[in-house]
Amino acid sequence: FFLFLVVTTTATSSKLRLLDCFPGARPQPQTPSRDLTSTQSTASMSSNSSSTFLERAKKFGRTMVDSGAKTMLKTDIVFLEREIKSRKQRFGVEVYELMELLEVDNDMSMEEKEGKIRVAFDRARKDIAVVHAKIECKRDEMTVLEEKEQAAVNN
């Protein structure tokens, strides 16, 4: 349920009308619930209250945008964590196949076999470190958004 203020100013008086509207409905055709005739001080008070209303509406809008952004960041983190799990699984399959091949290959020395396994591990570790850095970046962004929300609530 929303209330809309309409201020009409003429040379002699100001009229303040409150219009009732339901969410999603159009404002009703200028049928005032209440008419007030007053001096310019009432008009200035109504402009102060309407600016306060606008400030609150803007603050609410920012809060909604920030909470949407925070939800999106959380979703990104979940997908990145899945990517890490997937990379670890691929590493396990890769090392298993590599060890299986190296077990039958007697032409290679033990150091060469260990070197091949080490290369596979280093590649996986590098890939996972990159994804971890992305996750930390997303968490930092979430912290900034939460601090903005707290600052907005405190004001």
Protein backbone atom coordinates (compact mmCIF):
# COMPACT_ATOMS: atom_id res chain seq x y z
CA PHE A 1 0.00 0.00 0.00
CA PHE A 2 1.54 3.29 -1.07
CA LEU A 3 0.60 6.93 -0.49
CA PHE A 4 1.45 9.53 -3.09
CA LEU A 5 1.61 13.23 -2.24
CA VAL A 6 0.54 15.74 -4.85
CA VAL A 7 1.15 19.40 -4.13
CA THR A 8 -0.70 22.04 -6.15
CA THR A 9 0.44 25.62 -5.61
CA THR A 10 -1.45 28.67 -6.75
CA ALA A 11 -0.89 32.35 -6.06
CA THR A 12 -3.22 32.30 -3.06
CA SER A 13 -2.92 28.84 -1.54
CA SER A 14 -1.40 25.40 -1.66
CA LYS A 15 -3.42 22.21 -1.84
CA LEU A 16 -2.03 18.94 -0.63
CA ARG A 17 -3.68 15.74 -1.81
CA LEU A 18 -2.94 12.20 -0.68
CA LEU A 19 -3.55 9.58 -3.31
CA ASP A 20 -3.96 5.94 -2.31
CA CYS A 21 -2.48 3.31 -4.59
CA PHE A 22 -1.97 -0.41 -4.37
CA PRO A 23 1.30 -1.97 -5.54
CA GLY A 24 1.14 -2.68 -9.24
CA ALA A 25 -1.98 -0.57 -9.72
CA ARG A 26 -2.08 2.80 -11.41
CA PRO A 27 -2.71 5.86 -9.27
CA GLN A 28 -6.40 6.56 -9.08
CA PRO A 29 -7.55 9.57 -11.09
CA GLN A 30 -6.92 12.53 -8.85
CA THR A 31 -9.63 11.76 -6.34
CA PRO A 32 -8.17 13.14 -3.17
CA SER A 33 -8.66 11.36 0.09
CA ARG A 34 -8.00 14.65 1.86
CA ASP A 35 -7.63 18.29 0.71
CA LEU A 36 -5.74 20.77 2.84
CA THR A 37 -5.56 24.49 2.18
CA SER A 38 -2.66 26.15 3.88
CA THR A 39 0.10 28.70 3.61
CA GLN A 40 3.45 28.36 1.94
CA SER A 41 4.89 26.80 5.14
CA THR A 42 2.78 23.69 4.58
CA ALA A 43 4.08 23.47 1.04
CA SER A 44 7.64 23.64 2.30
CA MET A 45 6.89 20.97 4.92
CA SER A 46 5.43 18.72 2.25
CA SER A 47 8.48 19.20 0.05
CA ASN A 48 10.66 18.22 3.03
CA SER A 49 8.57 15.11 3.65
CA SER A 50 8.58 14.24 -0.04
CA SER A 51 12.36 14.64 -0.19
CA THR A 52 12.61 12.37 2.86
CA PHE A 53 10.33 9.90 1.10
CA LEU A 54 12.51 10.07 -2.01
CA GLU A 55 15.66 9.57 0.04
CA ARG A 56 14.12 6.52 1.70
CA ALA A 57 13.02 5.16 -1.66
CA LYS A 58 16.52 5.63 -3.07
CA LYS A 59 18.05 3.97 -0.02
CA PHE A 60 15.62 1.05 -0.39
CA GLY A 61 16.51 0.77 -4.08
CA ARG A 62 20.23 0.73 -3.32
CA THR A 63 19.67 -1.93 -0.67
CA MET A 64 17.80 -4.11 -3.14
CA VAL A 65 20.51 -3.72 -5.78
CA ASP A 66 23.23 -4.49 -3.24
CA SER A 67 21.43 -7.58 -1.94
CA GLY A 68 20.99 -8.80 -5.51
CA ALA A 69 24.68 -8.26 -6.18
CA LYS A 70 25.54 -10.12 -2.97
CA THR A 71 23.38 -13.06 -4.00
CA MET A 72 25.05 -13.13 -7.39
CA LEU A 73 28.49 -13.14 -5.73
CA LYS A 74 27.47 -16.05 -3.50
CA THR A 75 26.31 -17.96 -6.57
CA ASP A 76 29.60 -17.23 -8.33
CA ILE A 77 31.51 -18.56 -5.31
CA VAL A 78 29.49 -21.80 -5.34
CA PHE A 79 30.27 -22.31 -9.04
CA LEU A 80 33.96 -21.58 -8.47
CA GLU A 81 34.08 -24.09 -5.61
CA ARG A 82 32.53 -26.67 -7.94
CA GLU A 83 35.20 -25.84 -10.49
CA ILE A 84 37.88 -26.58 -7.87
CA LYS A 85 36.25 -29.90 -7.03
CA SER A 86 36.03 -30.78 -10.70
CA ARG A 87 39.70 -29.90 -11.26
CA LYS A 88 40.75 -32.06 -8.31
CA GLN A 89 38.77 -34.96 -9.73
CA ARG A 90 40.37 -34.51 -13.15
CA PHE A 91 43.76 -34.45 -11.41
CA GLY A 92 42.99 -37.74 -9.69
CA VAL A 93 41.99 -39.39 -12.96
CA GLU A 94 45.02 -37.91 -14.73
CA VAL A 95 47.48 -39.13 -12.08
CA TYR A 96 45.88 -42.56 -11.93
CA GLU A 97 46.19 -42.99 -15.71
CA LEU A 98 49.72 -41.63 -15.62
CA MET A 99 50.76 -44.00 -12.83
CA GLU A 100 49.13 -46.90 -14.65
CA LEU A 101 51.18 -46.13 -17.78
CA LEU A 102 54.36 -45.55 -15.83
CA GLU A 103 53.96 -48.83 -13.96
CA VAL A 104 54.21 -50.83 -17.19
CA ASP A 105 56.91 -48.63 -18.72
CA ASN A 106 60.20 -50.03 -17.47
CA ASP A 107 62.32 -47.86 -19.79
CA MET A 108 61.92 -44.77 -17.57
CA SER A 109 63.83 -44.14 -14.40
CA MET A 110 62.02 -43.50 -11.12
CA GLU A 111 62.98 -39.80 -11.24
CA GLU A 112 61.42 -39.38 -14.69
CA LYS A 113 58.21 -41.05 -13.50
CA GLU A 114 58.10 -38.82 -10.43
CA GLY A 115 58.79 -35.80 -12.65
CA LYS A 116 55.76 -36.56 -14.85
CA ILE A 117 53.54 -36.92 -11.80
CA ARG A 118 54.99 -33.73 -10.34
CA VAL A 119 54.21 -31.80 -13.57
CA ALA A 120 50.58 -32.99 -13.43
CA PHE A 121 50.34 -31.91 -9.78
CA ASP A 122 51.90 -28.50 -10.45
CA ARG A 123 49.42 -27.83 -13.28
CA ALA A 124 46.47 -28.78 -11.08
CA ARG A 125 47.78 -26.72 -8.16
CA LYS A 126 48.22 -23.68 -10.43
CA ASP A 127 44.69 -24.02 -11.84
CA ILE A 128 43.22 -24.36 -8.35
CA ALA A 129 45.21 -21.37 -7.05
CA VAL A 130 43.75 -19.20 -9.83
CA VAL A 131 40.22 -20.23 -8.88
CA HIS A 132 40.96 -19.64 -5.17
CA ALA A 133 42.12 -16.10 -6.04
CA LYS A 134 38.82 -15.51 -7.87
CA ILE A 135 36.88 -16.73 -4.81
CA GLU A 136 38.82 -14.39 -2.52
CA CYS A 137 38.09 -11.50 -4.87
CA LYS A 138 34.36 -12.31 -4.76
CA ARG A 139 34.45 -12.52 -0.95
CA ASP A 140 36.17 -9.14 -0.78
CA GLU A 141 33.44 -7.67 -2.99
CA MET A 142 30.81 -9.17 -0.66
CA THR A 143 32.54 -7.61 2.36
CA VAL A 144 32.48 -4.20 0.69
CA LEU A 145 28.76 -4.57 -0.08
CA GLU A 146 28.02 -5.63 3.51
CA GLU A 147 29.94 -2.61 4.83
CA LYS A 148 27.93 -0.34 2.51
CA GLU A 149 24.71 -1.89 3.80
CA GLN A 150 25.77 -1.37 7.40
CA ALA A 151 26.68 2.26 6.69
CA ALA A 152 23.29 2.80 5.04
CA VAL A 153 21.44 1.23 7.97
CA ASN A 154 23.36 3.32 10.50
CA ASN A 155 22.56 6.56 8.64
